[in-house]
Amino acid sequence: MVRILFIETSTSLCSAALAEDGRIVATRESTGTREHAALTAPFVKALLDERGLRVKDCSAVCVGRGPGSYTGLRVGVSTAKGLCFGAGIPLLSVGTLETLCRQAIEEGLLPEGCRHIVPMVDARRMEVYTAVFSADGVAQSETRPQVIEADSFADILDEGPVLFVGDGAAKCAPVLTHPNAHFAEAWPKAGSMLVPACKAWNEKRFEDIAYFEPSYLKDFIATVSRKKLF
């Protein structure tokens, strides 16, 4: 039996899931935001306890590799790497945008006649991490940070309905006013990594546990506190 444990912490919400032979059998999702450090490990333990399993009973661990929250990605990737190293099992990864794309398809979010899916992960101000996918989930462009303006994605919007999905979609709605633009606010769920993760497993596309790093796309910027310490 192929058993894969999933961890998704790339945005403000945290989720984990367990799949057996290509079917999700258990899930955990946070209801609050920014609780990755407190919930990721307990979610994993709860999933395994529910099925009477140990980490070494899993075939692999799959983690969301970003782009997304710096802190969230660090927690998720560190947890996944620790589990893989301790149990001696492979590490898989799935990009956040692909997860959102699969989620939109699986949850029936696509508008009628949808030609493209554009997942968006919130960045600063009017910037998002994004890429263009076909309506059946095939990537049509590279993942990139992009500042959203009125004429963004005009070429694909002129072709037909486009779904913008993710935690960065809602803030773009007032700017992208093309009649073919449709918006769905969503956060990536661990269970939606299933299809690409199974493909990676079958193709033996494993990550190097020692050297794997999440995809931040942009350097982490530490802010300096304005409070005087002395």
C-alpha atoms as a PDB file:
ATOM      1  CA  MET A   1       0.000   0.000   0.000  1.00  0.00           C
ATOM      2  CA  VAL A   2       1.265   3.469  -0.906  1.00  0.00           C
ATOM      3  CA  ARG A   3       0.615   5.759   2.032  1.00  0.00           C
ATOM      4  CA  ILE A   4       1.501   9.467   1.780  1.00  0.00           C
ATOM      5  CA  LEU A   5       1.371  12.064   4.549  1.00  0.00           C
ATOM      6  CA  PHE A   6       0.689  15.645   3.384  1.00  0.00           C
ATOM      7  CA  ILE A   7       1.626  18.929   5.081  1.00  0.00           C
ATOM      8  CA  GLU A   8       0.514  22.330   3.711  1.00  0.00           C
ATOM      9  CA  THR A   9       1.572  25.488   5.595  1.00  0.00           C
ATOM     10  CA  SER A  10       2.385  27.946   2.820  1.00  0.00           C
ATOM     11  CA  THR A  11      -0.369  30.484   3.603  1.00  0.00           C
ATOM     12  CA  SER A  12      -2.101  31.709   6.759  1.00  0.00           C
ATOM     13  CA  LEU A  13      -3.934  28.424   7.358  1.00  0.00           C
ATOM     14  CA  CYS A  14      -2.405  25.063   8.251  1.00  0.00           C
ATOM     15  CA  SER A  15      -3.566  21.665   7.032  1.00  0.00           C
ATOM     16  CA  ALA A  16      -2.454  18.047   6.923  1.00  0.00           C
ATOM     17  CA  ALA A  17      -3.848  14.930   5.264  1.00  0.00           C
ATOM     18  CA  LEU A  18      -3.184  11.241   4.853  1.00  0.00           C
ATOM     19  CA  ALA A  19      -3.722   9.242   1.654  1.00  0.00           C
ATOM     20  CA  GLU A  20      -3.763   5.501   1.109  1.00  0.00           C
ATOM     21  CA  ASP A  21      -3.496   4.113  -2.425  1.00  0.00           C
ATOM     22  CA  GLY A  22      -4.504   7.372  -4.054  1.00  0.00           C
ATOM     23  CA  ARG A  23      -7.397   8.243  -1.741  1.00  0.00           C
ATOM     24  CA  ILE A  24      -7.502  10.807   1.079  1.00  0.00           C
ATOM     25  CA  VAL A  25      -8.546   8.964   4.246  1.00  0.00           C
ATOM     26  CA  ALA A  26      -8.031  11.621   6.943  1.00  0.00           C
ATOM     27  CA  THR A  27      -7.566  15.399   7.132  1.00  0.00           C
ATOM     28  CA  ARG A  28      -6.937  18.157   9.662  1.00  0.00           C
ATOM     29  CA  GLU A  29      -7.327  21.892   8.978  1.00  0.00           C
ATOM     30  CA  SER A  30      -6.867  24.931  11.212  1.00  0.00           C
ATOM     31  CA  THR A  31      -9.714  27.345  11.761  1.00  0.00           C
ATOM     32  CA  GLY A  32      -7.476  30.184  12.948  1.00  0.00           C
ATOM     33  CA  THR A  33      -4.606  31.914  11.194  1.00  0.00           C
ATOM     34  CA  ARG A  34      -0.850  31.800  11.765  1.00  0.00           C
ATOM     35  CA  GLU A  35      -0.963  28.698  13.945  1.00  0.00           C
ATOM     36  CA  HIS A  36       1.561  26.618  12.002  1.00  0.00           C
ATOM     37  CA  ALA A  37       4.109  26.166  14.784  1.00  0.00           C
ATOM     38  CA  ALA A  38       1.447  25.101  17.264  1.00  0.00           C
ATOM     39  CA  LEU A  39      -0.620  22.847  15.018  1.00  0.00           C
ATOM     40  CA  THR A  40       1.540  21.153  12.366  1.00  0.00           C
ATOM     41  CA  ALA A  41       3.068  18.432  14.539  1.00  0.00           C
ATOM     42  CA  PRO A  42      -0.179  17.766  16.481  1.00  0.00           C
ATOM     43  CA  PHE A  43      -2.083  17.471  13.182  1.00  0.00           C
ATOM     44  CA  VAL A  44       0.393  14.864  11.949  1.00  0.00           C
ATOM     45  CA  LYS A  45       0.155  12.905  15.197  1.00  0.00           C
ATOM     46  CA  ALA A  46      -3.658  13.043  15.145  1.00  0.00           C
ATOM     47  CA  LEU A  47      -3.811  11.710  11.577  1.00  0.00           C
ATOM     48  CA  LEU A  48      -1.484   8.814  12.343  1.00  0.00           C
ATOM     49  CA  ASP A  49      -3.214   7.990  15.644  1.00  0.00           C
ATOM     50  CA  GLU A  50      -6.582   7.980  13.874  1.00  0.00           C
ATOM     51  CA  ARG A  51      -5.352   5.226  11.563  1.00  0.00           C
ATOM     52  CA  GLY A  52      -3.236   3.418  14.184  1.00  0.00           C
ATOM     53  CA  LEU A  53      -0.017   4.181  12.312  1.00  0.00           C
ATOM     54  CA  ARG A  54       3.517   5.409  12.880  1.00  0.00           C
ATOM     55  CA  VAL A  55       5.499   7.674  10.577  1.00  0.00           C
ATOM     56  CA  LYS A  56       7.549   4.737   9.310  1.00  0.00           C
ATOM     57  CA  ASP A  57       4.318   3.096   8.120  1.00  0.00           C
ATOM     58  CA  CYS A  58       4.069   5.853   5.502  1.00  0.00           C
ATOM     59  CA  SER A  59       5.663   5.567   2.072  1.00  0.00           C
ATOM     60  CA  ALA A  60       6.554   9.260   1.849  1.00  0.00           C
ATOM     61  CA  VAL A  61       5.836  12.731   3.192  1.00  0.00           C
ATOM     62  CA  CYS A  62       4.704  15.458   0.787  1.00  0.00           C
ATOM     63  CA  VAL A  63       5.066  19.127   1.719  1.00  0.00           C
ATOM     64  CA  GLY A  64       3.857  22.329   0.080  1.00  0.00           C
ATOM     65  CA  ARG A  65       7.004  23.990  -1.239  1.00  0.00           C
ATOM     66  CA  GLY A  66       5.629  27.496  -1.773  1.00  0.00           C
ATOM     67  CA  PRO A  67       5.662  30.237  -2.675  1.00  0.00           C
ATOM     68  CA  GLY A  68       4.053  31.665   0.401  1.00  0.00           C
ATOM     69  CA  SER A  69       4.608  32.683   3.996  1.00  0.00           C
ATOM     70  CA  TYR A  70       8.245  32.554   5.053  1.00  0.00           C
ATOM     71  CA  THR A  71       7.453  31.344   8.563  1.00  0.00           C
ATOM     72  CA  GLY A  72       4.756  28.931   7.452  1.00  0.00           C
ATOM     73  CA  LEU A  73       6.990  27.344   4.831  1.00  0.00           C
ATOM     74  CA  ARG A  74       9.861  26.976   7.282  1.00  0.00           C
ATOM     75  CA  VAL A  75       7.625  25.193   9.796  1.00  0.00           C
ATOM     76  CA  GLY A  76       6.097  22.857   7.217  1.00  0.00           C
ATOM     77  CA  VAL A  77       9.339  21.976   5.456  1.00  0.00           C
ATOM     78  CA  SER A  78      11.271  21.509   8.702  1.00  0.00           C
ATOM     79  CA  THR A  79       8.560  19.193  10.022  1.00  0.00           C
ATOM     80  CA  ALA A  80       8.420  17.178   6.795  1.00  0.00           C
ATOM     81  CA  LYS A  81      12.191  16.827   6.580  1.00  0.00           C
ATOM     82  CA  GLY A  82      12.397  15.723  10.208  1.00  0.00           C
ATOM     83  CA  LEU A  83       9.728  13.073   9.678  1.00  0.00           C
ATOM     84  CA  CYS A  84      11.412  11.757   6.541  1.00  0.00           C
ATOM     85  CA  PHE A  85      14.856  11.698   8.099  1.00  0.00           C
ATOM     86  CA  GLY A  86      13.664   9.969  11.260  1.00  0.00           C
ATOM     87  CA  ALA A  87      11.586   7.347   9.453  1.00  0.00           C
ATOM     88  CA  GLY A  88      13.922   6.865   6.503  1.00  0.00           C
ATOM     89  CA  ILE A  89      11.241   7.623   3.901  1.00  0.00           C
ATOM     90  CA  PRO A  90      11.293   9.882   0.785  1.00  0.00           C
ATOM     91  CA  LEU A  91      10.279  13.526   0.643  1.00  0.00           C
ATOM     92  CA  LEU A  92       7.932  14.843  -2.066  1.00  0.00           C
ATOM     93  CA  SER A  93       6.898  18.432  -2.708  1.00  0.00           C
ATOM     94  CA  VAL A  94       4.098  20.216  -4.579  1.00  0.00           C
ATOM     95  CA  GLY A  95       3.986  23.925  -5.431  1.00  0.00           C
ATOM     96  CA  THR A  96       1.343  26.041  -3.715  1.00  0.00           C
ATOM     97  CA  LEU A  97      -0.062  27.320  -6.999  1.00  0.00           C
ATOM     98  CA  GLU A  98      -0.535  23.816  -8.381  1.00  0.00           C
ATOM     99  CA  THR A  99      -2.305  22.835  -5.161  1.00  0.00           C
ATOM    100  CA  LEU A 100      -4.695  25.784  -5.502  1.00  0.00           C
ATOM    101  CA  CYS A 101      -5.315  24.871  -9.136  1.00  0.00           C
ATOM    102  CA  ARG A 102      -6.162  21.258  -8.274  1.00  0.00           C
ATOM    103  CA  GLN A 103      -8.358  22.466  -5.416  1.00  0.00           C
ATOM    104  CA  ALA A 104     -10.346  24.738  -7.713  1.00  0.00           C
ATOM    105  CA  ILE A 105     -10.970  21.832 -10.090  1.00  0.00           C
ATOM    106  CA  GLU A 106     -11.872  19.334  -7.355  1.00  0.00           C
ATOM    107  CA  GLU A 107     -14.219  21.731  -5.535  1.00  0.00           C
ATOM    108  CA  GLY A 108     -16.056  22.761  -8.707  1.00  0.00           C
ATOM    109  CA  LEU A 109     -15.042  26.422  -8.535  1.00  0.00           C
ATOM    110  CA  LEU A 110     -14.514  26.876 -12.273  1.00  0.00           C
ATOM    111  CA  PRO A 111     -17.062  29.107 -14.052  1.00  0.00           C
ATOM    112  CA  GLU A 112     -18.838  27.743 -17.107  1.00  0.00           C
ATOM    113  CA  GLY A 113     -16.573  27.776 -20.135  1.00  0.00           C
ATOM    114  CA  CYS A 114     -13.469  28.455 -18.049  1.00  0.00           C
ATOM    115  CA  ARG A 115     -10.344  28.613 -20.231  1.00  0.00           C
ATOM    116  CA  HIS A 116      -7.652  29.280 -17.624  1.00  0.00           C
ATOM    117  CA  ILE A 117      -7.021  29.069 -13.880  1.00  0.00           C
ATOM    118  CA  VAL A 118      -4.772  31.693 -12.276  1.00  0.00           C
ATOM    119  CA  PRO A 119      -3.927  30.811  -8.670  1.00  0.00           C
ATOM    120  CA  MET A 120      -2.739  33.755  -6.580  1.00  0.00           C
ATOM    121  CA  VAL A 121      -0.853  33.717  -3.282  1.00  0.00           C
ATOM    122  CA  ASP A 122      -0.937  37.047  -1.486  1.00  0.00           C
ATOM    123  CA  ALA A 123       2.294  39.035  -1.308  1.00  0.00           C
ATOM    124  CA  ARG A 124       2.783  42.707  -0.449  1.00  0.00           C
ATOM    125  CA  ARG A 125       0.380  45.472  -1.472  1.00  0.00           C
ATOM    126  CA  MET A 126      -0.947  44.727  -4.980  1.00  0.00           C
ATOM    127  CA  GLU A 127       1.589  41.978  -5.604  1.00  0.00           C
ATOM    128  CA  VAL A 128       0.856  38.252  -5.789  1.00  0.00           C
ATOM    129  CA  TYR A 129       2.743  35.065  -6.555  1.00  0.00           C
ATOM    130  CA  THR A 130       1.014  33.616  -9.588  1.00  0.00           C
ATOM    131  CA  ALA A 131       1.126  31.455 -12.716  1.00  0.00           C
ATOM    132  CA  VAL A 132      -1.308  30.546 -15.480  1.00  0.00           C
ATOM    133  CA  PHE A 133      -2.785  27.037 -15.750  1.00  0.00           C
ATOM    134  CA  SER A 134      -5.139  25.498 -18.284  1.00  0.00           C
ATOM    135  CA  ALA A 135      -8.626  24.564 -17.115  1.00  0.00           C
ATOM    136  CA  ASP A 136      -7.485  20.952 -16.707  1.00  0.00           C
ATOM    137  CA  GLY A 137      -4.567  21.900 -14.461  1.00  0.00           C
ATOM    138  CA  VAL A 138      -1.566  22.023 -16.791  1.00  0.00           C
ATOM    139  CA  ALA A 139       0.902  24.849 -16.092  1.00  0.00           C
ATOM    140  CA  GLN A 140       1.129  27.368 -18.932  1.00  0.00           C
ATOM    141  CA  SER A 141       3.696  29.713 -17.367  1.00  0.00           C
ATOM    142  CA  GLU A 142       6.383  29.873 -14.710  1.00  0.00           C
ATOM    143  CA  THR A 143       5.592  30.878 -11.140  1.00  0.00           C
ATOM    144  CA  ARG A 144       6.473  34.528 -10.587  1.00  0.00           C
ATOM    145  CA  PRO A 145       5.761  37.556  -8.387  1.00  0.00           C
ATOM    146  CA  GLN A 146       3.553  40.044 -10.220  1.00  0.00           C
ATOM    147  CA  VAL A 147       2.131  43.462  -9.462  1.00  0.00           C
ATOM    148  CA  ILE A 148      -1.521  43.437 -10.528  1.00  0.00           C
ATOM    149  CA  GLU A 149      -2.676  46.284 -12.749  1.00  0.00           C
ATOM    150  CA  ALA A 150      -5.817  46.925 -14.784  1.00  0.00           C
ATOM    151  CA  ASP A 151      -4.400  45.314 -17.925  1.00  0.00           C
ATOM    152  CA  SER A 152      -2.843  42.269 -16.207  1.00  0.00           C
ATOM    153  CA  PHE A 153      -3.800  38.965 -17.890  1.00  0.00           C
ATOM    154  CA  ALA A 154      -5.623  40.866 -20.653  1.00  0.00           C
ATOM    155  CA  ASP A 155      -4.520  38.317 -23.260  1.00  0.00           C
ATOM    156  CA  ILE A 156      -6.116  35.301 -21.596  1.00  0.00           C
ATOM    157  CA  LEU A 157      -9.140  37.278 -20.366  1.00  0.00           C
ATOM    158  CA  ASP A 158      -9.924  38.173 -23.969  1.00  0.00           C
ATOM    159  CA  GLU A 159     -10.010  34.429 -24.771  1.00  0.00           C
ATOM    160  CA  GLY A 160     -12.800  33.563 -22.309  1.00  0.00           C
ATOM    161  CA  PRO A 161     -13.634  33.056 -18.620  1.00  0.00           C
ATOM    162  CA  VAL A 162     -10.673  32.960 -16.222  1.00  0.00           C
ATOM    163  CA  LEU A 163     -10.785  31.874 -12.583  1.00  0.00           C
ATOM    164  CA  PHE A 164      -8.487  33.759 -10.199  1.00  0.00           C
ATOM    165  CA  VAL A 165      -8.233  31.675  -7.031  1.00  0.00           C
ATOM    166  CA  GLY A 166      -6.313  31.920  -3.773  1.00  0.00           C
ATOM    167  CA  ASP A 167      -5.819  34.204  -0.808  1.00  0.00           C
ATOM    168  CA  GLY A 168      -4.557  36.905  -3.177  1.00  0.00           C
ATOM    169  CA  ALA A 169      -7.567  36.809  -5.498  1.00  0.00           C
ATOM    170  CA  ALA A 170     -10.007  38.977  -3.548  1.00  0.00           C
ATOM    171  CA  LYS A 171      -7.764  42.045  -3.419  1.00  0.00           C
ATOM    172  CA  CYS A 172      -7.350  41.876  -7.217  1.00  0.00           C
ATOM    173  CA  ALA A 173     -11.079  41.899  -7.965  1.00  0.00           C
ATOM    174  CA  PRO A 174     -11.446  45.718  -7.872  1.00  0.00           C
ATOM    175  CA  VAL A 175      -8.531  46.047 -10.322  1.00  0.00           C
ATOM    176  CA  LEU A 176      -9.247  43.202 -12.763  1.00  0.00           C
ATOM    177  CA  THR A 177     -12.669  44.336 -13.959  1.00  0.00           C
ATOM    178  CA  HIS A 178     -12.753  42.427 -17.258  1.00  0.00           C
ATOM    179  CA  PRO A 179     -16.153  40.665 -17.633  1.00  0.00           C
ATOM    180  CA  ASN A 180     -14.394  37.314 -18.062  1.00  0.00           C
ATOM    181  CA  ALA A 181     -12.650  37.594 -14.678  1.00  0.00           C
ATOM    182  CA  HIS A 182     -14.052  35.378 -11.902  1.00  0.00           C
ATOM    183  CA  PHE A 183     -12.695  35.262  -8.350  1.00  0.00           C
ATOM    184  CA  ALA A 184     -12.647  32.660  -5.577  1.00  0.00           C
ATOM    185  CA  GLU A 185     -10.898  33.326  -2.276  1.00  0.00           C
ATOM    186  CA  ALA A 186      -9.310  30.086  -1.069  1.00  0.00           C
ATOM    187  CA  TRP A 187      -6.423  28.722   0.942  1.00  0.00           C
ATOM    188  CA  PRO A 188      -4.469  25.636  -0.189  1.00  0.00           C
ATOM    189  CA  LYS A 189      -5.464  22.370   1.464  1.00  0.00           C
ATOM    190  CA  ALA A 190      -3.119  19.462   2.029  1.00  0.00           C
ATOM    191  CA  GLY A 191      -5.498  16.966   0.428  1.00  0.00           C
ATOM    192  CA  SER A 192      -5.406  18.850  -2.869  1.00  0.00           C
ATOM    193  CA  MET A 193      -1.745  17.889  -3.289  1.00  0.00           C
ATOM    194  CA  LEU A 194      -2.829  14.296  -3.902  1.00  0.00           C
ATOM    195  CA  VAL A 195      -2.830  14.160  -7.724  1.00  0.00           C
ATOM    196  CA  PRO A 196       0.544  15.854  -8.339  1.00  0.00           C
ATOM    197  CA  ALA A 197       2.107  14.027  -5.382  1.00  0.00           C
ATOM    198  CA  CYS A 198       1.029  10.620  -6.698  1.00  0.00           C
ATOM    199  CA  LYS A 199       2.481  11.546 -10.080  1.00  0.00           C
ATOM    200  CA  ALA A 200       5.766  12.523  -8.434  1.00  0.00           C
ATOM    201  CA  TRP A 201       5.761   9.261  -6.451  1.00  0.00           C
ATOM    202  CA  ASN A 202       5.187   7.154  -9.556  1.00  0.00           C
ATOM    203  CA  GLU A 203       7.990   8.982 -11.367  1.00  0.00           C
ATOM    204  CA  LYS A 204      10.254   8.723  -8.289  1.00  0.00           C
ATOM    205  CA  ARG A 205      10.804  12.476  -8.226  1.00  0.00           C
ATOM    206  CA  PHE A 206      12.010  12.661  -4.635  1.00  0.00           C
ATOM    207  CA  GLU A 207      13.552  15.717  -2.996  1.00  0.00           C
ATOM    208  CA  ASP A 208      16.971  15.715  -1.360  1.00  0.00           C
ATOM    209  CA  ILE A 209      16.070  15.723   2.342  1.00  0.00           C
ATOM    210  CA  ALA A 210      19.313  17.385   3.391  1.00  0.00           C
ATOM    211  CA  TYR A 211      19.308  20.221   0.863  1.00  0.00           C
ATOM    212  CA  PHE A 212      15.654  20.815  -0.043  1.00  0.00           C
ATOM    213  CA  GLU A 213      14.499  24.387   0.545  1.00  0.00           C
ATOM    214  CA  PRO A 214      11.047  25.907   0.008  1.00  0.00           C
ATOM    215  CA  SER A 215      10.421  28.319  -2.856  1.00  0.00           C
ATOM    216  CA  TYR A 216      10.215  31.822  -1.426  1.00  0.00           C
ATOM    217  CA  LEU A 217      10.689  33.603  -4.794  1.00  0.00           C
ATOM    218  CA  LYS A 218      11.612  36.796  -2.932  1.00  0.00           C
ATOM    219  CA  ASP A 219      14.129  37.277  -0.155  1.00  0.00           C
ATOM    220  CA  PHE A 220      12.713  37.400   3.344  1.00  0.00           C
ATOM    221  CA  ILE A 221      12.719  40.970   4.613  1.00  0.00           C
ATOM    222  CA  ALA A 222      13.143  41.340   8.354  1.00  0.00           C
ATOM    223  CA  THR A 223      11.637  44.490   9.800  1.00  0.00           C
ATOM    224  CA  VAL A 224      13.348  46.583  12.453  1.00  0.00           C
ATOM    225  CA  SER A 225      11.323  47.267  15.547  1.00  0.00           C
ATOM    226  CA  ARG A 226      10.590  50.936  16.245  1.00  0.00           C
ATOM    227  CA  LYS A 227      10.459  50.269  19.972  1.00  0.00           C
ATOM    228  CA  LYS A 228      13.484  51.427  21.907  1.00  0.00           C
ATOM    229  CA  LEU A 229      15.002  48.613  23.905  1.00  0.00           C
ATOM    230  CA  PHE A 230      17.124  50.893  26.073  1.00  0.00           C
END
